[in-house]
């Protein structure tokens, strides 16, 4: 088999492109010819040679509009190379990738990886919808990151006969005991409720900040990430008098993340919109044996990822008090907490390792 992953951009900035890259490198390591085509965030068109013969085709981008890279070079490149591949694996949402496939004249098999609906860019969606409908019809199989998302997406309602799911898999985060001890000392030995993500409305951090009002004084809420809502969240923290109980620590470098996951007592993902389709940070925490408290966002796979009563608890979105109550319930005594920790580790091993993602992807390709 010869496979081409198509979509998004490079270098890796988010979950979709990380899945693309991990599939490419994981399949190539198994001896499957797999390349990746994407728009370059900066720089000209180039080919990057990787291990095991994998190639990364980066295409020059004119500009970025509404999270979409406008790249005529990507359209031209796919038309040039598409005949070399048995399967093209398109990662959605990415209008440029869809346009490139439409213009390519490709006649082979197509896998459509439906990471999420287009939720926020409603004006863009109106223009793009006919092309998206073509892509859904064109795909031989449609793959979601969770069974919930593909079953409930209004855009896939009439395509259930060719949908399946492929949970995102990652390498387990390696514990950092020394770094964790430094963080525990930094936060005064308190129980750390950790959260991570861009400071944007759909992440729901305002509700986690408010939830700190209802948590015991031996808890500290630590939120990592940067974004446009930082000043608003700082003002909320000040208005509620939570300066010592909620800390915004800014962007956390990748090399420091293992220390935070190791040090924290619990991880919380308080997102409020289905733009949060999966939540890779959940499985990063679970790989360290840390319970998760998150939200039951309608039509999202987030609550499916966090098995309720197994790896943590799921509560209604936009409910600060429910978040706090769930955090207290999971950590109320050593026996209950240990059960959730082991449940988190087990759920990660059973569903979300990178090897399981590659195994299932190979089986999906073989079925085509």
Protein backbone atom coordinates (compact mmCIF):
# COMPACT_ATOMS: atom_id res chain seq x y z
CA UNK A 1 0.00 0.00 0.00
CA UNK A 2 1.03 3.59 -0.64
CA UNK A 3 -0.72 6.17 1.54
CA UNK A 4 -0.83 9.98 1.49
CA UNK A 5 -2.01 11.97 4.52
CA UNK A 6 -3.42 15.37 3.41
CA UNK A 7 -4.49 18.44 5.38
CA UNK A 8 -3.73 21.31 7.74
CA UNK A 9 -0.20 22.66 8.05
CA UNK A 10 3.36 22.24 9.25
CA UNK A 11 5.13 22.72 11.67
CA UNK A 12 2.72 20.98 14.03
CA UNK A 13 0.60 23.44 16.03
CA UNK A 14 -2.49 21.44 17.00
CA UNK A 15 -4.15 18.08 17.37
CA UNK A 16 -5.17 17.45 13.75
CA UNK A 17 -1.71 17.86 12.29
CA UNK A 18 -0.19 15.83 15.16
CA UNK A 19 -2.48 12.92 14.30
CA UNK A 20 -1.47 13.23 10.62
CA UNK A 21 2.22 13.25 11.50
CA UNK A 22 1.94 10.36 13.96
CA UNK A 23 0.05 8.25 11.43
CA UNK A 24 2.67 8.96 8.76
CA UNK A 25 5.66 8.14 10.96
CA UNK A 26 3.94 5.20 12.68
CA UNK A 27 2.88 3.58 9.41
CA UNK A 28 6.28 4.18 7.82
CA UNK A 29 7.94 2.50 10.81
CA UNK A 30 5.73 -0.55 10.12
CA UNK A 31 7.01 -0.71 6.54
CA UNK A 32 4.01 0.98 4.92
CA UNK A 33 4.87 3.67 2.37
CA UNK A 34 3.21 6.78 3.82
CA UNK A 35 3.81 10.46 3.03
CA UNK A 36 2.15 13.70 4.15
CA UNK A 37 1.06 16.75 2.15
CA UNK A 38 0.28 20.01 3.92
CA UNK A 39 0.51 23.79 3.72
CA UNK A 40 3.60 25.43 5.19
CA UNK A 41 3.04 27.99 7.92
CA UNK A 42 6.05 29.85 6.56
CA UNK A 43 8.66 29.37 3.86
CA UNK A 44 8.49 28.02 0.34
CA UNK A 45 7.49 24.69 -1.13
CA UNK A 46 9.88 21.93 -0.05
CA UNK A 47 10.17 18.22 0.62
CA UNK A 48 11.41 16.97 4.01
CA UNK A 49 12.89 13.46 4.07
CA UNK A 50 12.06 11.55 7.27
CA UNK A 51 12.93 8.17 8.76
CA UNK A 52 11.79 4.92 7.14
CA UNK A 53 11.40 6.61 3.76
CA UNK A 54 8.50 8.90 4.71
CA UNK A 55 8.33 12.26 2.96
CA UNK A 56 6.70 15.47 4.09
CA UNK A 57 5.57 17.73 1.23
CA UNK A 58 5.26 21.31 2.52
CA UNK A 59 3.58 23.76 0.14
CA UNK A 60 3.96 27.53 0.05
CA UNK A 61 1.02 29.43 1.58
CA UNK A 62 -0.24 32.80 0.38
CA UNK A 63 -2.06 33.68 3.61
CA UNK A 64 -4.13 32.29 6.47
CA UNK A 65 -7.87 33.05 6.51
CA UNK A 66 -10.20 31.82 9.31
CA UNK A 67 -7.80 29.03 10.33
CA UNK A 68 -7.51 27.94 6.67
CA UNK A 69 -4.22 28.11 4.79
CA UNK A 70 -4.71 29.47 1.26
CA UNK A 71 -2.20 27.40 -0.72
CA UNK A 72 -2.53 27.08 -4.52
CA UNK A 73 0.79 25.23 -4.40
CA UNK A 74 -0.85 22.47 -2.36
CA UNK A 75 -3.59 22.09 -4.99
CA UNK A 76 -0.98 21.85 -7.75
CA UNK A 77 1.21 19.42 -5.79
CA UNK A 78 -1.61 16.94 -5.12
CA UNK A 79 -2.57 16.94 -8.81
CA UNK A 80 1.06 16.17 -9.62
CA UNK A 81 1.62 13.30 -7.15
CA UNK A 82 -1.81 11.78 -6.44
CA UNK A 83 -1.39 8.94 -8.98
CA UNK A 84 1.47 7.56 -6.84
CA UNK A 85 -0.89 6.54 -4.01
CA UNK A 86 -3.45 3.77 -3.43
CA UNK A 87 -5.24 5.68 -0.65
CA UNK A 88 -5.49 9.40 0.07
CA UNK A 89 -6.35 10.13 3.71
CA UNK A 90 -7.94 13.60 4.00
CA UNK A 91 -8.04 15.26 7.41
CA UNK A 92 -11.09 17.51 7.92
CA UNK A 93 -11.77 20.39 8.52
CA UNK A 94 -9.44 21.81 5.87
CA UNK A 95 -11.08 23.46 2.84
CA UNK A 96 -7.77 23.66 0.99
CA UNK A 97 -7.24 19.90 1.28
CA UNK A 98 -10.77 19.32 0.00
CA UNK A 99 -10.23 21.68 -2.93
CA UNK A 100 -6.93 19.98 -3.75
CA UNK A 101 -8.60 16.56 -3.91
CA UNK A 102 -11.43 17.91 -6.07
CA UNK A 103 -8.96 19.44 -8.54
CA UNK A 104 -6.61 16.44 -8.58
CA UNK A 105 -8.67 14.08 -10.72
CA UNK A 106 -7.70 11.26 -8.31
CA UNK A 107 -9.67 8.03 -8.90
CA UNK A 108 -8.40 5.88 -6.01
CA UNK A 109 -9.66 5.21 -2.51
CA UNK A 110 -10.32 8.12 -0.13
CA UNK A 111 -10.43 8.04 3.68
CA UNK A 112 -12.08 11.11 5.21
CA UNK A 113 -10.89 11.70 8.78
CA UNK A 114 -13.61 13.82 10.41
CA UNK A 115 -11.83 15.46 13.34
CA UNK A 116 -14.63 17.98 13.92
CA UNK A 117 -17.46 19.94 12.32
CA UNK A 118 -16.81 23.51 11.28
CA UNK A 119 -18.47 25.27 14.22
CA UNK A 120 -17.18 28.82 14.63
CA UNK A 121 -16.54 29.95 11.05
CA UNK A 122 -20.20 30.02 10.02
CA UNK A 123 -19.68 32.42 7.11
CA UNK A 124 -16.90 30.26 5.73
CA UNK A 125 -19.07 27.16 6.14
CA UNK A 126 -21.84 28.64 3.97
CA UNK A 127 -19.38 29.09 1.11
CA UNK A 128 -17.64 25.76 1.70
CA UNK A 129 -20.72 23.58 2.29
CA UNK A 130 -21.21 22.37 -1.34
CA UNK A 131 -17.55 21.30 -1.46
CA UNK A 132 -17.84 19.62 1.94
CA UNK A 133 -20.93 17.70 0.78
CA UNK A 134 -18.99 16.54 -2.29
CA UNK A 135 -16.14 15.33 -0.05
CA UNK A 136 -18.52 13.39 2.19
CA UNK A 137 -20.02 11.67 -0.88
CA UNK A 138 -16.60 11.07 -2.44
CA UNK A 139 -15.10 9.34 0.61
CA UNK A 140 -15.05 5.55 0.65
CA UNK A 141 -15.07 5.60 4.45
CA UNK A 142 -15.47 8.36 7.05
CA UNK A 143 -13.49 8.05 10.26
CA UNK A 144 -14.22 9.95 13.47
CA UNK A 145 -12.07 10.28 16.56
CA UNK A 146 -14.94 8.97 18.68
CA UNK A 147 -18.15 7.05 17.95
CA UNK A 148 -20.19 9.89 19.43
CA UNK A 149 -18.98 12.60 17.07
CA UNK A 150 -19.61 10.75 13.80
CA UNK A 151 -22.98 9.47 15.03
CA UNK A 152 -24.24 12.91 16.04
CA UNK A 153 -22.68 15.25 13.46
CA UNK A 154 -25.52 16.79 11.41
CA UNK A 155 -23.27 16.70 8.33
CA UNK A 156 -22.86 12.91 8.52
CA UNK A 157 -26.44 11.99 9.39
CA UNK A 158 -27.12 10.34 6.02
CA UNK A 159 -23.70 8.68 5.75
CA UNK A 160 -23.76 6.39 8.79
CA UNK A 161 -23.43 3.32 6.55
CA UNK A 162 -19.81 4.24 5.83
CA UNK A 163 -18.65 5.72 9.14
CA UNK A 164 -16.42 4.24 11.81
CA UNK A 165 -14.15 5.61 14.51
CA UNK A 166 -10.41 5.67 15.08
CA UNK A 167 -9.55 7.02 18.55
CA UNK A 168 -6.49 9.24 18.71
CA UNK A 169 -3.48 7.46 20.18
CA UNK A 170 -0.34 8.91 21.73
CA UNK A 171 2.89 7.82 23.33
CA UNK A 172 2.41 7.71 27.10
CA UNK A 173 3.80 10.78 28.85
CA UNK A 174 6.93 9.79 30.75
CA UNK A 175 6.76 10.78 34.44
CA UNK A 176 9.15 13.48 35.67
CA UNK A 177 9.48 12.91 39.40
CA UNK A 178 12.17 15.54 39.99
CA UNK A 179 10.29 18.22 38.03
CA UNK A 180 7.06 17.30 39.80
CA UNK A 181 8.66 17.73 43.22
CA UNK A 182 9.87 21.22 42.26
CA UNK A 183 6.34 22.13 41.17
CA UNK A 184 4.79 20.81 44.38
CA UNK A 185 7.17 22.99 46.36
CA UNK A 186 6.41 25.98 44.10
CA UNK A 187 2.69 25.59 44.81
CA UNK A 188 3.12 25.14 48.54
CA UNK A 189 2.41 21.42 48.70
CA UNK A 190 -1.23 21.96 47.76
CA UNK A 191 -3.21 19.57 45.56
CA UNK A 192 -2.79 20.75 41.97
CA UNK A 193 -5.86 20.84 39.71
CA UNK A 194 -4.19 21.19 36.32
CA UNK A 195 -5.73 22.38 33.04
CA UNK A 196 -4.16 23.19 29.70
CA UNK A 197 -5.26 24.84 26.46
CA UNK A 198 -5.60 28.07 24.52
CA UNK A 199 -7.32 30.82 26.48
CA UNK A 200 -10.31 31.09 24.15
CA UNK A 201 -14.08 31.03 24.88
CA UNK A 202 -14.87 27.44 23.88
CA UNK A 203 -12.35 26.09 26.40
CA UNK A 204 -14.60 27.26 29.27
CA UNK A 205 -11.79 28.31 31.62
CA UNK A 206 -13.99 30.98 33.20
CA UNK A 207 -16.04 28.17 34.77
CA UNK A 208 -12.95 26.43 36.14
CA UNK A 209 -11.82 29.74 37.65
CA UNK A 210 -15.21 30.15 39.31
CA UNK A 211 -15.13 26.52 40.48
CA UNK A 212 -12.08 27.38 42.61
CA UNK A 213 -14.44 29.29 44.93
CA UNK A 214 -15.97 25.97 45.99
CA UNK A 215 -12.74 23.99 46.37
CA UNK A 216 -10.93 23.40 49.70
CA UNK A 217 -8.06 25.74 50.54
CA UNK A 218 -5.51 22.93 50.05
CA UNK A 219 -6.28 22.99 46.29
CA UNK A 220 -4.73 25.25 43.67
CA UNK A 221 -6.04 25.53 40.11
CA UNK A 222 -3.15 25.83 37.63
CA UNK A 223 -4.08 26.76 34.03
CA UNK A 224 -1.43 26.52 31.33
CA UNK A 225 -1.76 28.20 27.94
CA UNK A 226 -1.90 31.57 26.26
CA UNK A 227 -4.58 33.35 24.27
CA UNK A 228 -6.84 36.38 23.87
CA UNK A 229 -8.84 35.80 27.08
CA UNK A 230 -5.89 36.06 29.45
CA UNK A 231 -6.71 39.60 30.60
CA UNK A 232 -10.40 38.72 31.08
CA UNK A 233 -9.48 35.68 33.17
CA UNK A 234 -7.01 37.70 35.23
CA UNK A 235 -9.73 40.26 35.92
CA UNK A 236 -12.16 37.49 36.92
CA UNK A 237 -9.57 36.00 39.29
CA UNK A 238 -9.04 39.46 40.84
CA UNK A 239 -12.76 40.19 41.15
CA UNK A 240 -13.37 36.86 42.91
CA UNK A 241 -10.36 37.30 45.20
CA UNK A 242 -8.76 34.07 43.96
CA UNK A 243 -5.24 35.37 43.26
CA UNK A 244 -3.70 32.73 45.55
CA UNK A 245 -5.99 29.91 44.42
CA UNK A 246 -5.98 30.18 40.61
CA UNK A 247 -2.76 30.69 38.66
CA UNK A 248 -2.42 31.40 34.93
CA UNK A 249 1.10 30.22 34.10
CA UNK A 250 1.15 30.97 30.36
CA UNK A 251 2.37 28.62 27.67
CA UNK A 252 3.97 25.48 29.08
CA UNK A 253 6.97 24.29 27.01
CA UNK A 254 6.62 20.71 25.77
CA UNK A 255 9.62 19.60 27.81
CA UNK A 256 7.94 20.83 31.03
CA UNK A 257 4.57 19.14 30.49
CA UNK A 258 5.57 15.75 32.00
CA UNK A 259 6.39 17.50 35.29
CA UNK A 260 2.94 19.13 35.42
CA UNK A 261 1.11 15.90 34.61
CA UNK A 262 3.19 14.05 37.21
CA UNK A 263 2.68 16.71 39.88
CA UNK A 264 -1.03 17.28 39.49
CA UNK A 265 -3.66 15.49 41.54
CA UNK A 266 -6.27 15.73 38.81
CA UNK A 267 -6.73 17.16 35.32
CA UNK A 268 -9.78 19.20 34.33
CA UNK A 269 -11.03 20.10 30.84
CA UNK A 270 -13.97 22.53 31.28
CA UNK A 271 -14.75 23.08 27.57
CA UNK A 272 -18.25 24.25 26.61
CA UNK A 273 -18.62 23.84 22.82
CA UNK A 274 -18.28 20.94 20.39
CA UNK A 275 -15.30 22.71 18.84
CA UNK A 276 -13.61 20.61 21.55
CA UNK A 277 -14.19 17.32 19.74
CA UNK A 278 -11.82 14.98 21.59
CA UNK A 279 -9.35 16.64 23.99
CA UNK A 280 -5.92 15.04 23.55
CA UNK A 281 -4.83 16.61 26.85
CA UNK A 282 -7.23 14.21 28.59
CA UNK A 283 -5.40 11.14 27.36
CA UNK A 284 -2.03 12.72 28.14
CA UNK A 285 -3.17 13.04 31.76
CA UNK A 286 -4.69 9.55 31.77
CA UNK A 287 -1.41 8.07 30.52
CA UNK A 288 0.12 9.35 33.77
CA UNK A 289 -2.65 7.75 35.80
CA UNK A 290 -4.36 11.05 36.59
CA UNK A 291 -8.18 11.21 36.81
CA UNK A 292 -10.03 13.67 34.61
CA UNK A 293 -13.05 15.92 35.26
CA UNK A 294 -14.62 17.26 32.09
CA UNK A 295 -17.97 18.17 30.53
CA UNK A 296 -20.80 16.49 28.63
CA UNK A 297 -20.74 18.76 25.57
CA UNK A 298 -23.61 17.85 23.21
CA UNK A 299 -22.42 16.13 20.00
CA UNK A 300 -18.80 16.04 21.21
CA UNK A 301 -16.62 13.02 21.95
CA UNK A 302 -14.98 14.60 25.02
CA UNK A 303 -17.16 12.80 27.58
CA UNK A 304 -16.68 9.49 25.72
CA UNK A 305 -12.90 9.84 26.01
CA UNK A 306 -13.21 10.28 29.79
CA UNK A 307 -15.15 7.22 30.88
CA UNK A 308 -17.61 8.47 33.50
CA UNK A 309 -17.07 6.68 36.79
CA UNK A 310 -13.97 4.93 35.39
CA UNK A 311 -11.23 7.45 34.53
CA UNK A 312 -13.02 10.42 36.09
CA UNK A 313 -16.33 12.25 36.06
CA UNK A 314 -18.24 14.25 33.43
CA UNK A 315 -20.50 17.16 34.40
CA UNK A 316 -22.80 19.56 32.52
CA UNK A 317 -20.93 22.36 30.70
CA UNK A 318 -20.99 25.95 31.99
CA UNK A 319 -21.53 24.75 35.57
CA UNK A 320 -18.77 25.86 37.93
CA UNK A 321 -20.29 24.28 41.02
CA UNK A 322 -20.69 20.90 39.29
CA UNK A 323 -17.01 21.03 38.28
CA UNK A 324 -15.99 21.68 41.87
CA UNK A 325 -18.24 18.95 43.25
CA UNK A 326 -16.82 16.41 40.78
CA UNK A 327 -13.24 17.38 41.67
CA UNK A 328 -14.05 16.93 45.35
CA UNK A 329 -15.79 13.59 44.71
CA UNK A 330 -12.85 12.11 42.79
CA UNK A 331 -10.35 13.20 45.47
CA UNK A 332 -12.50 12.71 48.57
CA UNK A 333 -10.45 9.84 50.03
CA UNK A 334 -7.45 7.69 49.13
CA UNK A 335 -9.46 4.60 48.18
CA UNK A 336 -11.76 6.44 45.75
CA UNK A 337 -8.89 8.45 44.30
CA UNK A 338 -6.72 5.35 43.74
CA UNK A 339 -9.61 3.66 41.93
CA UNK A 340 -9.92 6.56 39.51
CA UNK A 341 -6.15 6.69 38.98
CA UNK A 342 -6.05 3.02 38.03
CA UNK A 343 -9.16 3.46 35.87
CA UNK A 344 -7.43 6.28 33.98
CA UNK A 345 -4.31 4.17 33.32
CA UNK A 346 -6.37 1.19 32.18
CA UNK A 347 -8.60 3.22 29.85
CA UNK A 348 -5.52 4.79 28.26
CA UNK A 349 -3.88 1.41 27.68
CA UNK A 350 -7.05 -0.13 26.24
CA UNK A 351 -8.05 2.69 23.87
CA UNK A 352 -5.56 5.49 23.38
CA UNK A 353 -2.03 4.20 22.77
CA UNK A 354 -0.33 5.11 19.51
CA UNK A 355 0.17 1.41 18.69
CA UNK A 356 -3.58 0.79 18.89
CA UNK A 357 -4.22 3.78 16.59
CA UNK A 358 -1.75 2.46 14.02
CA UNK A 359 -3.14 -1.10 14.27
CA UNK A 360 -6.69 0.08 13.69
CA UNK A 361 -5.66 2.39 10.86
CA UNK A 362 -3.86 -0.46 9.09
CA UNK A 363 -6.94 -2.66 9.43
CA UNK A 364 -9.07 0.16 8.00
CA UNK A 365 -6.77 0.53 4.97
CA UNK A 366 -6.69 -3.23 4.42
CA UNK A 367 -10.49 -3.25 4.39
CA UNK A 368 -10.43 -0.84 1.46
